[in-house]
Protein backbone atom coordinates (compact mmCIF):
# COMPACT_ATOMS: atom_id res chain seq x y z
CA MET A 1 -15.38 7.99 -15.50
CA ILE A 2 -14.81 4.46 -14.22
CA TYR A 3 -12.09 4.38 -11.58
CA PHE A 4 -10.28 1.07 -11.15
CA ASP A 5 -6.98 2.37 -9.75
CA ASN A 6 -7.71 2.45 -6.03
CA ASN A 7 -4.27 1.09 -5.08
CA ALA A 8 -2.82 4.31 -6.49
CA THR A 9 -5.21 6.55 -4.59
CA THR A 10 -8.86 6.60 -3.59
CA GLN A 11 -11.64 9.11 -3.88
CA VAL A 12 -12.29 11.04 -0.70
CA SER A 13 -15.45 9.72 0.89
CA PRO A 14 -18.21 12.39 0.96
CA SER A 15 -18.67 12.01 4.72
CA VAL A 16 -14.91 12.23 5.22
CA LEU A 17 -14.84 15.52 3.32
CA GLU A 18 -17.77 16.76 5.39
CA ALA A 19 -15.92 15.97 8.62
CA MET A 20 -12.80 17.72 7.35
CA ILE A 21 -14.25 21.05 6.19
CA PRO A 22 -14.93 22.65 9.61
CA PHE A 23 -11.24 22.31 10.43
CA LEU A 24 -10.37 24.28 7.31
CA THR A 25 -12.79 27.05 8.19
CA GLU A 26 -13.98 27.73 11.75
CA HIS A 27 -11.80 25.32 13.78
CA TYR A 28 -8.40 26.55 12.58
CA GLY A 29 -6.60 26.83 15.93
CA ASN A 30 -3.17 25.40 16.58
CA PRO A 31 -3.67 22.24 18.69
CA SER A 32 -0.65 23.18 20.82
CA SER A 33 -2.26 26.47 21.89
CA ALA A 34 -3.68 26.87 25.40
CA TYR A 35 -6.87 28.77 24.52
CA ARG A 36 -10.21 27.25 23.53
CA LEU A 37 -9.71 27.53 19.76
CA GLY A 38 -6.61 25.38 20.11
CA LYS A 39 -8.21 22.95 22.54
CA VAL A 40 -10.99 22.19 20.05
CA THR A 41 -8.45 21.04 17.48
CA ALA A 42 -6.43 19.15 20.11
CA GLU A 43 -9.56 17.25 21.10
CA ALA A 44 -10.22 16.49 17.43
CA LEU A 45 -6.73 15.00 17.15
CA ASP A 46 -7.39 12.79 20.18
CA HIS A 47 -10.64 11.58 18.66
CA ALA A 48 -8.99 10.80 15.33
CA ARG A 49 -6.27 8.90 17.16
CA GLU A 50 -8.93 6.76 18.84
CA GLN A 51 -10.62 6.11 15.47
CA VAL A 52 -7.40 4.98 13.82
CA ALA A 53 -6.47 2.84 16.82
CA ALA A 54 -9.85 1.10 16.63
CA LEU A 55 -9.21 0.18 12.99
CA LEU A 56 -5.73 -1.16 13.77
CA GLY A 57 -6.61 -2.87 17.04
CA CYS A 58 -4.08 -0.97 19.14
CA LYS A 59 -3.88 1.78 21.78
CA ALA A 60 -4.43 5.41 20.78
CA LYS A 61 -1.11 6.32 22.41
CA GLU A 62 0.66 4.12 19.87
CA ILE A 63 -0.52 6.25 16.93
CA VAL A 64 1.83 8.88 15.49
CA PHE A 65 0.41 11.07 12.73
CA THR A 66 2.73 11.70 9.77
CA SER A 67 2.47 13.26 6.32
CA CYS A 68 2.28 10.00 4.34
CA GLY A 69 3.20 6.34 4.13
CA THR A 70 6.65 7.17 2.79
CA GLU A 71 7.49 9.28 5.83
CA SER A 72 6.21 6.54 8.12
CA ASN A 73 8.38 3.94 6.37
CA ASN A 74 11.46 6.14 6.50
CA ALA A 75 10.84 7.00 10.15
CA ALA A 76 10.57 3.35 11.21
CA LEU A 77 13.83 2.38 9.54
CA ALA A 78 15.71 5.46 10.71
CA SER A 79 14.62 4.94 14.30
CA ALA A 80 15.57 1.26 14.32
CA LEU A 81 19.04 1.97 12.94
CA LYS A 82 19.63 4.76 15.43
CA THR A 83 18.31 3.09 18.58
CA SER A 84 19.83 -0.34 17.93
CA GLY A 85 23.21 0.81 16.69
CA HIS A 86 23.11 -2.01 14.11
CA ARG A 87 23.67 -1.53 10.39
CA HIS A 88 21.76 -4.34 8.67
CA ILE A 89 18.20 -4.34 7.29
CA VAL A 90 16.16 -7.20 5.89
CA THR A 91 13.47 -6.42 3.32
CA SER A 92 12.17 -7.92 0.06
CA ALA A 93 12.89 -7.42 -3.61
CA VAL A 94 9.29 -6.38 -4.32
CA GLU A 95 8.77 -3.60 -1.78
CA HIS A 96 7.22 -0.24 -2.60
CA SER A 97 9.72 2.39 -3.71
CA ALA A 98 9.39 4.06 -0.29
CA ILE A 99 11.33 1.10 1.13
CA LYS A 100 13.22 -0.11 -1.93
CA ASN A 101 14.75 3.24 -2.84
CA HIS A 102 15.39 4.10 0.81
CA GLY A 103 17.27 0.82 1.17
CA GLU A 104 19.40 1.60 -1.84
CA ASP A 105 20.18 5.03 -0.40
CA LEU A 106 21.16 3.48 2.93
CA GLU A 107 23.52 1.13 1.10
CA LEU A 108 25.30 4.16 -0.34
CA GLN A 109 25.76 5.33 3.25
CA GLY A 110 27.45 2.09 4.22
CA TYR A 111 24.53 0.13 5.63
CA ALA A 112 23.89 -3.48 4.60
CA VAL A 113 20.51 -4.43 3.12
CA THR A 114 19.30 -7.94 2.29
CA TYR A 115 16.59 -8.05 -0.40
CA LEU A 116 14.71 -11.34 -0.08
CA PRO A 117 13.41 -13.00 -3.25
CA VAL A 118 9.79 -14.00 -3.74
CA LYS A 119 8.32 -17.04 -5.44
CA GLU A 120 6.72 -16.95 -8.90
CA ASP A 121 3.33 -16.34 -7.30
CA GLY A 122 4.70 -13.37 -5.35
CA THR A 123 4.66 -15.03 -1.92
CA LEU A 124 7.52 -14.86 0.57
CA SER A 125 9.08 -17.67 2.60
CA VAL A 126 9.34 -17.24 6.37
CA GLN A 127 12.36 -19.54 6.24
CA ASP A 128 14.12 -17.09 3.93
CA VAL A 129 13.54 -14.34 6.48
CA GLU A 130 15.00 -16.48 9.24
CA LYS A 131 18.09 -17.31 7.18
CA ALA A 132 18.68 -13.61 6.45
CA LEU A 133 18.77 -12.54 10.12
CA ARG A 134 22.19 -11.60 11.46
CA PRO A 135 23.56 -10.49 14.83
CA ASP A 136 23.71 -6.93 13.47
CA THR A 137 20.18 -6.88 11.98
CA ALA A 138 18.46 -3.70 13.16
CA ILE A 139 15.04 -4.28 11.62
CA VAL A 140 13.05 -6.45 9.24
CA SER A 141 10.77 -4.36 7.01
CA LEU A 142 8.27 -6.22 4.84
CA MET A 143 5.03 -5.08 3.23
CA TRP A 144 1.76 -6.63 4.38
CA ALA A 145 0.22 -6.55 0.89
CA ASN A 146 1.92 -5.85 -2.42
CA ASN A 147 0.70 -2.68 -4.11
CA GLU A 148 0.90 -4.16 -7.64
CA THR A 149 -0.36 -7.71 -7.23
CA GLY A 150 -2.18 -7.56 -3.89
CA VAL A 151 -0.26 -10.65 -2.72
CA LEU A 152 -0.13 -10.96 1.07
CA PHE A 153 3.02 -11.69 3.07
CA PRO A 154 2.85 -13.86 6.24
CA VAL A 155 3.40 -10.92 8.58
CA GLU A 156 2.00 -12.74 11.61
CA GLU A 157 4.61 -15.51 11.39
CA ILE A 158 7.41 -13.13 10.44
CA GLY A 159 6.59 -10.84 13.34
CA GLN A 160 6.68 -13.72 15.79
CA LEU A 161 10.01 -14.89 14.36
CA CYS A 162 11.49 -11.43 14.80
CA ARG A 163 10.14 -11.18 18.35
CA GLU A 164 11.79 -14.49 19.25
CA ARG A 165 15.09 -13.37 17.73
CA GLY A 166 15.00 -9.94 19.37
CA VAL A 167 14.81 -8.04 16.07
CA LEU A 168 12.44 -5.15 15.39
CA PHE A 169 9.74 -5.76 12.79
CA HIS A 170 8.10 -3.12 10.59
CA THR A 171 5.38 -3.69 8.04
CA ASP A 172 4.35 -1.32 5.29
CA ALA A 173 0.59 -1.90 5.57
CA VAL A 174 -0.41 0.98 3.31
CA GLN A 175 -2.34 -1.31 0.94
CA ALA A 176 -3.69 -3.66 3.61
CA VAL A 177 -5.26 -1.24 6.09
CA GLY A 178 -8.99 -0.97 5.56
CA LYS A 179 -9.11 -3.93 3.18
CA ILE A 180 -8.43 -6.82 5.56
CA PRO A 181 -8.97 -7.10 9.35
CA ILE A 182 -5.95 -6.06 11.44
CA ASN A 183 -5.58 -6.48 15.20
CA LEU A 184 -2.18 -5.30 16.33
CA SER A 185 -2.88 -6.22 19.94
CA GLU A 186 -2.51 -9.86 18.89
CA LEU A 187 0.50 -9.45 16.57
CA ALA A 188 4.25 -9.15 17.09
CA VAL A 189 4.55 -5.94 15.06
CA ASP A 190 6.70 -3.07 16.31
CA PHE A 191 6.04 -0.50 13.56
CA LEU A 192 3.29 -0.26 10.94
CA SER A 193 2.75 2.34 8.22
CA VAL A 194 -0.58 3.76 7.01
CA SER A 195 -1.40 6.23 4.23
CA GLY A 196 -4.68 8.14 4.36
CA HIS A 197 -5.27 8.46 0.64
CA LYS A 198 -5.41 4.67 0.25
CA LEU A 199 -8.57 4.43 2.37
CA HIS A 200 -10.70 7.35 1.17
CA ALA A 201 -9.02 10.16 3.12
CA PRO A 202 -7.10 12.99 1.41
CA LYS A 203 -3.46 12.89 0.39
CA GLY A 204 -0.85 14.30 2.74
CA VAL A 205 -1.63 12.41 5.93
CA GLY A 206 -0.43 9.09 7.30
CA VAL A 207 0.27 7.12 10.45
CA LEU A 208 3.18 5.31 12.01
CA TYR A 209 2.09 2.80 14.63
CA THR A 210 4.81 2.50 17.25
CA ARG A 211 4.29 -0.33 19.71
CA ARG A 212 4.32 0.82 23.30
CA GLY A 213 7.63 0.04 24.93
CA VAL A 214 9.67 0.02 21.71
CA ALA A 215 12.52 2.50 21.65
CA TYR A 216 11.74 5.25 19.16
CA THR A 217 13.58 8.37 18.09
CA PRO A 218 11.81 11.02 15.96
CA PHE A 219 12.50 11.27 12.26
CA LEU A 220 11.43 14.93 12.13
CA VAL A 221 12.99 16.85 15.00
CA GLY A 222 11.31 20.07 16.05
CA GLY A 223 8.63 20.89 18.58
CA SER A 224 6.99 18.56 21.11
CA GLN A 225 4.07 17.60 18.87
CA GLU A 226 2.86 13.98 18.81
CA LYS A 227 4.27 13.55 22.32
CA ASN A 228 7.78 14.40 21.10
CA ARG A 229 7.64 11.70 18.42
CA ARG A 230 7.19 13.89 15.33
CA GLY A 231 7.99 17.58 15.15
CA GLY A 232 5.82 19.97 13.16
CA THR A 233 2.33 21.38 13.63
CA GLU A 234 -0.22 18.67 12.94
CA ASN A 235 -2.28 18.72 9.74
CA VAL A 236 -5.50 18.83 11.74
CA ALA A 237 -8.06 18.85 8.93
CA SER A 238 -6.48 15.89 7.17
CA ILE A 239 -5.99 14.00 10.43
CA VAL A 240 -9.67 14.48 11.26
CA ALA A 241 -10.45 13.17 7.77
CA LEU A 242 -8.20 10.15 8.30
CA GLY A 243 -9.94 9.43 11.58
CA LYS A 244 -13.34 9.48 9.91
CA ALA A 245 -12.03 7.34 7.03
CA ALA A 246 -10.68 4.81 9.54
CA GLU A 247 -14.06 4.68 11.26
CA GLU A 248 -15.78 4.04 7.93
CA ALA A 249 -13.20 1.47 6.89
CA LEU A 250 -13.82 -0.49 10.08
CA ALA A 251 -17.58 -0.36 9.47
CA HIS A 252 -17.11 -1.62 5.89
CA ILE A 253 -14.36 -4.20 6.48
CA LYS A 254 -16.75 -7.07 5.73
CA THR A 255 -17.80 -5.32 2.52
CA GLU A 256 -14.22 -5.61 1.27
CA ALA A 257 -14.26 -9.38 1.73
CA THR A 258 -17.69 -9.82 0.16
CA GLN A 259 -18.95 -7.10 -2.17
CA VAL A 260 -15.59 -5.80 -3.39
CA LYS A 261 -14.12 -9.29 -3.74
CA ARG A 262 -17.17 -10.42 -5.70
CA LEU A 263 -16.77 -7.53 -8.13
CA ARG A 264 -13.02 -8.20 -8.48
CA ASP A 265 -13.59 -11.90 -9.11
CA ARG A 266 -16.30 -11.20 -11.70
CA LEU A 267 -14.06 -8.74 -13.51
CA GLU A 268 -11.09 -11.09 -13.47
CA LYS A 269 -13.10 -14.13 -14.54
CA GLY A 270 -14.71 -12.16 -17.35
CA LEU A 271 -11.36 -11.02 -18.75
CA LEU A 272 -9.80 -14.46 -18.54
CA GLU A 273 -12.76 -16.01 -20.33
CA THR A 274 -13.24 -13.40 -23.06
CA VAL A 275 -9.64 -12.42 -23.83
CA SER A 276 -7.32 -15.18 -25.02
CA GLY A 277 -3.72 -15.24 -23.89
CA THR A 278 -4.30 -13.77 -20.43
CA MET A 279 -2.95 -14.82 -17.05
CA VAL A 280 -3.23 -13.54 -13.47
CA ASN A 281 0.04 -12.36 -11.92
CA GLY A 282 0.33 -13.43 -8.30
CA ASN A 283 -1.19 -15.94 -5.93
CA PRO A 284 -4.95 -16.14 -6.65
CA ILE A 285 -5.82 -16.86 -3.01
CA LEU A 286 -3.31 -15.08 -0.78
CA ARG A 287 -4.09 -11.54 -1.92
CA LEU A 288 -6.19 -8.48 -1.21
CA PRO A 289 -9.88 -8.76 -2.10
CA ASN A 290 -9.81 -5.71 -4.37
CA THR A 291 -6.78 -6.30 -6.61
CA THR A 292 -6.09 -8.19 -9.82
CA ASN A 293 -2.98 -7.95 -11.98
CA ILE A 294 -3.43 -9.49 -15.43
CA ALA A 295 -0.88 -10.11 -18.18
CA PHE A 296 -2.14 -9.68 -21.76
CA GLU A 297 -0.19 -11.57 -24.39
CA SER A 298 1.13 -9.49 -27.33
CA VAL A 299 -0.10 -6.20 -25.84
CA GLU A 300 1.82 -3.31 -24.31
CA ALA A 301 0.09 -2.08 -21.17
CA GLU A 302 0.96 1.56 -21.83
CA ALA A 303 -0.93 1.47 -25.14
CA LEU A 304 -3.81 -0.29 -23.41
CA LEU A 305 -3.94 2.39 -20.71
CA ILE A 306 -4.06 5.20 -23.27
CA LEU A 307 -7.06 3.65 -24.99
CA LEU A 308 -8.74 2.88 -21.67
CA ASP A 309 -8.35 6.51 -20.69
CA TYR A 310 -10.00 7.50 -23.99
CA HIS A 311 -12.99 5.42 -22.87
CA GLY A 312 -12.98 7.05 -19.44
CA ILE A 313 -11.53 4.06 -17.60
CA CYS A 314 -8.69 4.54 -15.09
CA ALA A 315 -6.28 1.68 -14.41
CA SER A 316 -2.50 1.30 -14.16
CA ALA A 317 0.45 -0.80 -15.26
CA GLY A 318 1.84 -0.94 -11.72
CA SER A 319 2.74 1.42 -8.90
CA ALA A 320 1.70 5.03 -9.47
CA CYS A 321 4.98 6.04 -7.83
CA THR A 322 6.93 4.57 -10.75
CA THR A 323 4.68 5.70 -13.64
CA GLY A 324 6.83 7.12 -16.42
CA SER A 325 9.79 4.94 -15.50
CA PRO A 326 11.32 3.28 -18.59
CA THR A 327 12.11 0.10 -16.67
CA PRO A 328 9.68 -2.84 -16.27
CA SER A 329 7.93 -3.41 -12.94
CA HIS A 330 10.49 -4.53 -10.37
CA VAL A 331 7.70 -6.45 -8.63
CA LEU A 332 6.83 -8.59 -11.66
CA ARG A 333 10.50 -8.96 -12.56
CA GLY A 334 11.15 -10.04 -8.99
CA MET A 335 8.57 -12.79 -9.52
CA GLY A 336 10.70 -14.09 -12.38
CA PHE A 337 8.58 -12.97 -15.33
CA PRO A 338 10.18 -12.03 -18.67
CA VAL A 339 10.25 -8.37 -19.64
CA GLU A 340 7.55 -8.82 -22.29
CA ARG A 341 5.10 -10.13 -19.72
CA THR A 342 5.80 -7.34 -17.25
CA LEU A 343 5.26 -4.72 -19.97
CA GLY A 344 1.96 -6.34 -20.92
CA SER A 345 0.46 -6.43 -17.43
CA LEU A 346 -2.43 -4.34 -16.17
CA ARG A 347 -3.41 -3.66 -12.55
CA LEU A 348 -7.08 -3.19 -11.74
CA SER A 349 -7.91 -2.26 -8.14
CA LEU A 350 -11.44 -1.67 -6.87
CA SER A 351 -13.16 -0.08 -3.88
CA ARG A 352 -16.55 -0.18 -2.21
CA PHE A 353 -17.63 2.69 -4.44
CA ASN A 354 -17.41 0.59 -7.62
CA THR A 355 -20.51 -0.99 -9.14
CA GLU A 356 -21.73 -3.97 -11.17
CA ALA A 357 -22.52 -1.60 -14.05
CA GLU A 358 -18.88 -0.48 -14.16
CA ILE A 359 -17.74 -4.10 -14.32
CA ASP A 360 -20.12 -4.65 -17.25
CA GLU A 361 -18.69 -1.67 -19.13
CA VAL A 362 -15.06 -2.61 -18.58
CA LEU A 363 -15.74 -6.18 -19.72
CA LYS A 364 -17.12 -4.73 -22.96
CA VAL A 365 -14.27 -2.30 -23.56
CA ILE A 366 -11.06 -4.17 -22.67
CA PRO A 367 -11.56 -7.17 -25.02
CA LYS A 368 -12.15 -4.82 -27.96
CA ILE A 369 -9.07 -2.75 -27.14
CA VAL A 370 -6.87 -5.82 -26.75
CA GLU A 371 -8.13 -7.20 -30.08
CA ARG A 372 -7.36 -3.90 -31.79
CA LEU A 373 -3.85 -3.66 -30.31
CA ARG A 374 -3.02 -7.22 -31.30
CA ARG A 375 -4.33 -6.66 -34.80
CA GLU A 376 -2.18 -3.55 -35.19
CA ASN A 377 0.93 -5.18 -33.72
CA PRO A 378 3.11 -6.43 -36.60
CA LYS A 379 5.19 -8.52 -34.22
CA ALA A 380 2.31 -10.19 -32.43
CA GLN A 381 3.28 -13.71 -33.38
CA GLU A 382 6.89 -13.26 -32.32
CA LEU A 383 5.78 -11.76 -29.02
CA LYS A 384 3.39 -14.63 -28.47
CA LYS A 385 6.26 -17.10 -28.51
CA SER A 386 8.46 -15.01 -26.22
CA LEU A 387 5.92 -14.21 -23.50
CA GLY A 388 6.14 -17.62 -21.88
CA PHE A 389 2.44 -18.20 -21.37
């Protein structure tokens, strides 16, 4: 199997799994317990907190462990609305469903949400953010890196703008963490979301960074876990795994910008040169080093994915959280592309575990599949005219 869908989820690193196993077997104590068995797990949580903080460039006390990126996103917005008393949120039209759908739900409850547009290359204007701010804005929530295109938003400038205007700023950094350097000690970010399974830890564990001094009210109310910031007994084994994954991500951060980027660029260049009627979706410079999103003229991505799977190659047509949805990608539509182009786009996302040999194989397989699909498509010529290439 060749796995090129790392923005959907990542394989668990072997050393991460090794670190996790003892906390599923011998070290099974409740970290809130007073006896030694519990203290061992409590100490493991503290260590994992330090590991994650080192990756993010923040204080360990600012790390709150959650179940996933979605919970972290929801918690940040819910806290801001509750503590500020305001009822307006600013976000973008191309956010992950964890923010997009939450915003739509909040609108049904009477809150106001502004969805900022993006340019054709997927980038966002800081000026548009500034214009959207209102006296009753509770929080600005914008992703650091888009999960479908990899395009980066100017979170540093947006955070500073929000700080100057006295508005809380949250960034969904699920795709960015571990792929690009992050130093929260130098940024005006109040909340930041992390998901473990995007950086070679298991599913079911995440982080919400909460800047020290920012008012915060828990999303899950229960016991006094996470220093009263998130009720519920901690998922110790997965948190230990996330800590180890964060440590490894920090050690390999330069690999993302060199080795992984080189593989991505070679794959992308090869497809553009060998397959006619192709185009990259999104800014070619301001993006993650592991992601490419390519539109194939006169080809439906779903058919392409089926044939890729037959050849043992895993990729996607967009966010894994919307797979099976009959509607085109809201991200690509938000960039102004016609429906035909969105339905013919393929996302390929790599990791440090991918190899040159895998790139070679994919560059052999995809051109043949695209040729076959175009040959079998009776409306290929009509589609060609309507795609807008």
